[in-house]
């Protein structure tokens, strides 16, 4: 008798993206998936106690909180909820989304000329089998060139740092940022290659 695939409860099911991020939505559309968007409210993240958590624990906790909220709205339905959260980590500091231009400038100066990590917590949850939740952290290593004052100001003026972990977007096509290991989709906010593996790869 063949061994049962532990991820079979996530295969070929209706997909629900528990995020309002247009970038995550675009990534799923690019691979041809059919899915619905049902974001968890910001209060889910704001009410979570994350004190003392490592970067990996943090993104998993935030991703799980989002998935758990949405799963409760689809109780006992045979669907797969996709929860995710992304942060950048540089020299031990967790860099989430900047609050304003000044905060974005601080983050970019910290990242300038360094090698750093981008971590995404990925959670899959089928509400029909709530005990079978899959959680993992996917990591991409990046290297940022030294940012001159002009280059930094140009990027800050563009406003493209808004709403992005670490105050930068790999998808912006900046030639001062390169991937050392891992995938670009993970930096954008959703590791689609790993997601396809876990869900059977069907559109």
Protein backbone atom coordinates (compact mmCIF):
# COMPACT_ATOMS: atom_id res chain seq x y z
CA UNK A 1 0.00 0.00 0.00
CA UNK A 2 1.57 3.34 -1.05
CA UNK A 3 2.41 5.82 1.65
CA UNK A 4 -0.13 8.62 1.95
CA UNK A 5 1.16 12.01 0.87
CA UNK A 6 1.04 14.30 3.93
CA UNK A 7 0.22 17.28 1.72
CA UNK A 8 -2.67 15.63 -0.15
CA UNK A 9 -5.22 17.66 1.85
CA UNK A 10 -3.87 20.75 0.07
CA UNK A 11 -4.03 19.31 -3.47
CA UNK A 12 -6.41 20.60 -6.14
CA UNK A 13 -8.59 22.51 -3.72
CA UNK A 14 -10.18 25.92 -3.97
CA UNK A 15 -7.49 28.39 -2.85
CA UNK A 16 -8.03 31.36 -0.56
CA UNK A 17 -5.27 33.96 -0.26
CA UNK A 18 -5.38 35.47 3.23
CA UNK A 19 -3.65 38.67 2.15
CA UNK A 20 -4.60 41.96 0.52
CA UNK A 21 -1.13 42.40 -0.97
CA UNK A 22 -1.42 43.19 -4.70
CA UNK A 23 2.04 41.70 -5.22
CA UNK A 24 1.06 38.32 -3.77
CA UNK A 25 -2.11 38.36 -5.83
CA UNK A 26 -0.09 39.11 -8.96
CA UNK A 27 2.32 36.24 -8.27
CA UNK A 28 -0.55 33.73 -8.12
CA UNK A 29 -2.09 35.18 -11.26
CA UNK A 30 1.24 34.86 -13.06
CA UNK A 31 1.29 31.09 -12.52
CA UNK A 32 -2.30 30.79 -13.72
CA UNK A 33 -3.97 29.89 -10.45
CA UNK A 34 -7.65 30.36 -9.75
CA UNK A 35 -8.14 31.69 -6.23
CA UNK A 36 -10.08 34.09 -4.06
CA UNK A 37 -8.73 36.91 -1.91
CA UNK A 38 -10.03 37.02 1.66
CA UNK A 39 -7.64 39.13 3.72
CA UNK A 40 -7.42 39.06 7.47
CA UNK A 41 -7.85 42.50 9.08
CA UNK A 42 -4.81 44.41 10.34
CA UNK A 43 -6.06 43.90 13.90
CA UNK A 44 -5.08 40.22 13.65
CA UNK A 45 -1.40 41.19 13.37
CA UNK A 46 -1.62 44.09 15.79
CA UNK A 47 -3.11 41.93 18.52
CA UNK A 48 -0.45 39.22 18.31
CA UNK A 49 2.21 38.94 21.01
CA UNK A 50 5.51 38.59 19.15
CA UNK A 51 7.88 39.61 21.92
CA UNK A 52 11.05 37.55 22.05
CA UNK A 53 10.38 35.64 18.84
CA UNK A 54 13.13 34.93 16.34
CA UNK A 55 12.60 36.23 12.77
CA UNK A 56 11.49 32.77 11.64
CA UNK A 57 9.11 32.39 14.58
CA UNK A 58 7.76 35.88 13.96
CA UNK A 59 6.83 35.40 10.30
CA UNK A 60 5.32 32.00 11.03
CA UNK A 61 3.24 33.39 13.88
CA UNK A 62 1.96 36.26 11.74
CA UNK A 63 1.21 33.99 8.78
CA UNK A 64 -0.59 31.53 11.04
CA UNK A 65 -2.69 34.27 12.62
CA UNK A 66 -3.88 35.41 9.21
CA UNK A 67 -4.61 31.87 8.03
CA UNK A 68 -6.38 31.00 11.28
CA UNK A 69 -8.67 34.02 11.03
CA UNK A 70 -9.68 33.19 7.46
CA UNK A 71 -9.97 29.45 8.14
CA UNK A 72 -12.57 30.19 10.83
CA UNK A 73 -14.70 31.83 8.14
CA UNK A 74 -14.54 28.71 5.98
CA UNK A 75 -15.08 26.19 8.79
CA UNK A 76 -15.21 22.56 7.60
CA UNK A 77 -14.94 23.55 3.94
CA UNK A 78 -12.50 21.62 1.76
CA UNK A 79 -10.40 24.61 0.72
CA UNK A 80 -6.80 25.61 1.28
CA UNK A 81 -6.06 28.86 3.07
CA UNK A 82 -2.72 30.50 2.19
CA UNK A 83 -1.28 32.68 4.93
CA UNK A 84 2.05 34.47 4.62
CA UNK A 85 4.15 37.24 6.10
CA UNK A 86 7.51 38.63 5.01
CA UNK A 87 10.32 40.50 6.75
CA UNK A 88 13.90 41.45 5.96
CA UNK A 89 16.61 40.71 8.51
CA UNK A 90 19.88 42.62 8.59
CA UNK A 91 22.55 42.38 11.30
CA UNK A 92 20.05 40.84 13.65
CA UNK A 93 17.38 43.52 13.16
CA UNK A 94 13.96 42.58 11.83
CA UNK A 95 12.84 45.07 9.20
CA UNK A 96 9.13 45.12 8.48
CA UNK A 97 7.22 47.71 6.48
CA UNK A 98 8.46 51.29 7.04
CA UNK A 99 6.13 53.70 8.81
CA UNK A 100 7.18 56.70 6.74
CA UNK A 101 9.96 58.07 4.51
CA UNK A 102 12.30 58.63 7.44
CA UNK A 103 11.88 55.05 8.60
CA UNK A 104 12.42 53.81 5.04
CA UNK A 105 15.63 55.85 4.82
CA UNK A 106 16.88 54.33 8.08
CA UNK A 107 16.20 50.79 6.84
CA UNK A 108 17.87 51.32 3.49
CA UNK A 109 20.96 52.84 5.10
CA UNK A 110 21.20 49.79 7.35
CA UNK A 111 20.90 47.45 4.36
CA UNK A 112 23.28 49.46 2.16
CA UNK A 113 26.40 47.50 1.27
CA UNK A 114 25.35 44.37 3.16
CA UNK A 115 24.25 40.81 2.62
CA UNK A 116 20.92 40.15 4.32
CA UNK A 117 17.99 37.74 4.41
CA UNK A 118 14.34 37.96 3.45
CA UNK A 119 12.11 35.50 5.30
CA UNK A 120 8.56 34.55 4.44
CA UNK A 121 6.40 32.55 6.80
CA UNK A 122 4.15 30.27 4.76
CA UNK A 123 1.11 28.57 6.26
CA UNK A 124 -1.32 26.23 4.51
CA UNK A 125 -4.52 25.33 6.30
CA UNK A 126 -7.41 23.17 5.14
CA UNK A 127 -10.29 24.00 7.54
CA UNK A 128 -11.82 20.56 7.00
CA UNK A 129 -8.68 19.07 8.58
CA UNK A 130 -7.67 21.82 11.05
CA UNK A 131 -5.13 19.62 12.84
CA UNK A 132 -3.17 19.22 9.59
CA UNK A 133 -1.66 22.66 9.27
CA UNK A 134 1.60 23.12 7.38
CA UNK A 135 4.01 25.85 8.52
CA UNK A 136 7.48 26.73 7.30
CA UNK A 137 9.84 29.62 6.70
CA UNK A 138 11.37 30.20 3.28
CA UNK A 139 14.58 32.25 3.10
CA UNK A 140 16.23 34.21 0.31
CA UNK A 141 19.68 35.77 0.70
CA UNK A 142 20.29 39.10 -1.00
CA UNK A 143 23.16 41.50 -1.41
CA UNK A 144 22.66 45.24 -1.68
CA UNK A 145 25.30 47.49 -3.19
CA UNK A 146 26.35 50.61 -1.36
CA UNK A 147 23.68 53.25 -1.87
CA UNK A 148 25.02 56.67 -2.76
CA UNK A 149 23.09 59.65 -1.44
CA UNK A 150 21.70 60.34 -4.92
CA UNK A 151 20.62 56.74 -5.49
CA UNK A 152 18.99 56.61 -2.06
CA UNK A 153 17.12 59.88 -2.52
CA UNK A 154 15.90 58.87 -5.98
CA UNK A 155 14.44 55.66 -4.62
CA UNK A 156 12.84 57.39 -1.65
CA UNK A 157 11.36 60.02 -3.98
CA UNK A 158 9.83 57.26 -6.12
CA UNK A 159 7.67 56.09 -3.22
CA UNK A 160 8.17 52.48 -4.26
CA UNK A 161 9.38 51.62 -0.76
CA UNK A 162 5.91 52.00 0.67
CA UNK A 163 4.29 48.85 2.06
CA UNK A 164 7.39 46.71 1.49
CA UNK A 165 9.39 44.82 4.08
CA UNK A 166 12.84 46.36 4.42
CA UNK A 167 11.67 49.40 2.41
CA UNK A 168 12.61 47.88 -0.95
CA UNK A 169 10.98 45.87 -3.69
CA UNK A 170 13.03 43.38 -5.67
CA UNK A 171 10.38 43.58 -8.38
CA UNK A 172 11.24 47.25 -8.88
CA UNK A 173 14.21 46.17 -10.99
CA UNK A 174 16.90 47.93 -8.98
CA UNK A 175 20.35 47.09 -10.32
CA UNK A 176 21.80 47.64 -6.84
CA UNK A 177 20.10 44.54 -5.45
CA UNK A 178 20.88 40.94 -6.35
CA UNK A 179 19.87 37.49 -5.13
CA UNK A 180 22.65 35.31 -3.73
CA UNK A 181 20.44 32.28 -3.03
CA UNK A 182 16.74 31.54 -3.00
CA UNK A 183 13.94 32.84 -5.20
CA UNK A 184 12.72 36.25 -6.29
CA UNK A 185 9.09 35.41 -5.56
CA UNK A 186 9.95 34.90 -1.92
CA UNK A 187 11.43 38.40 -1.76
CA UNK A 188 8.29 39.82 -3.35
CA UNK A 189 6.26 38.15 -0.59
CA UNK A 190 5.12 34.66 -1.60
CA UNK A 191 7.42 31.71 -2.43
CA UNK A 192 5.31 30.38 -5.30
CA UNK A 193 7.77 27.64 -6.24
CA UNK A 194 7.45 26.08 -2.80
CA UNK A 195 3.72 26.71 -2.75
CA UNK A 196 3.27 24.80 -6.01
CA UNK A 197 5.20 21.86 -4.54
CA UNK A 198 2.97 21.73 -1.50
CA UNK A 199 -0.34 22.05 -3.32
CA UNK A 200 0.20 19.71 -6.23
CA UNK A 201 0.96 22.39 -8.81
CA UNK A 202 -2.49 22.36 -10.35
CA UNK A 203 -4.06 25.58 -11.61
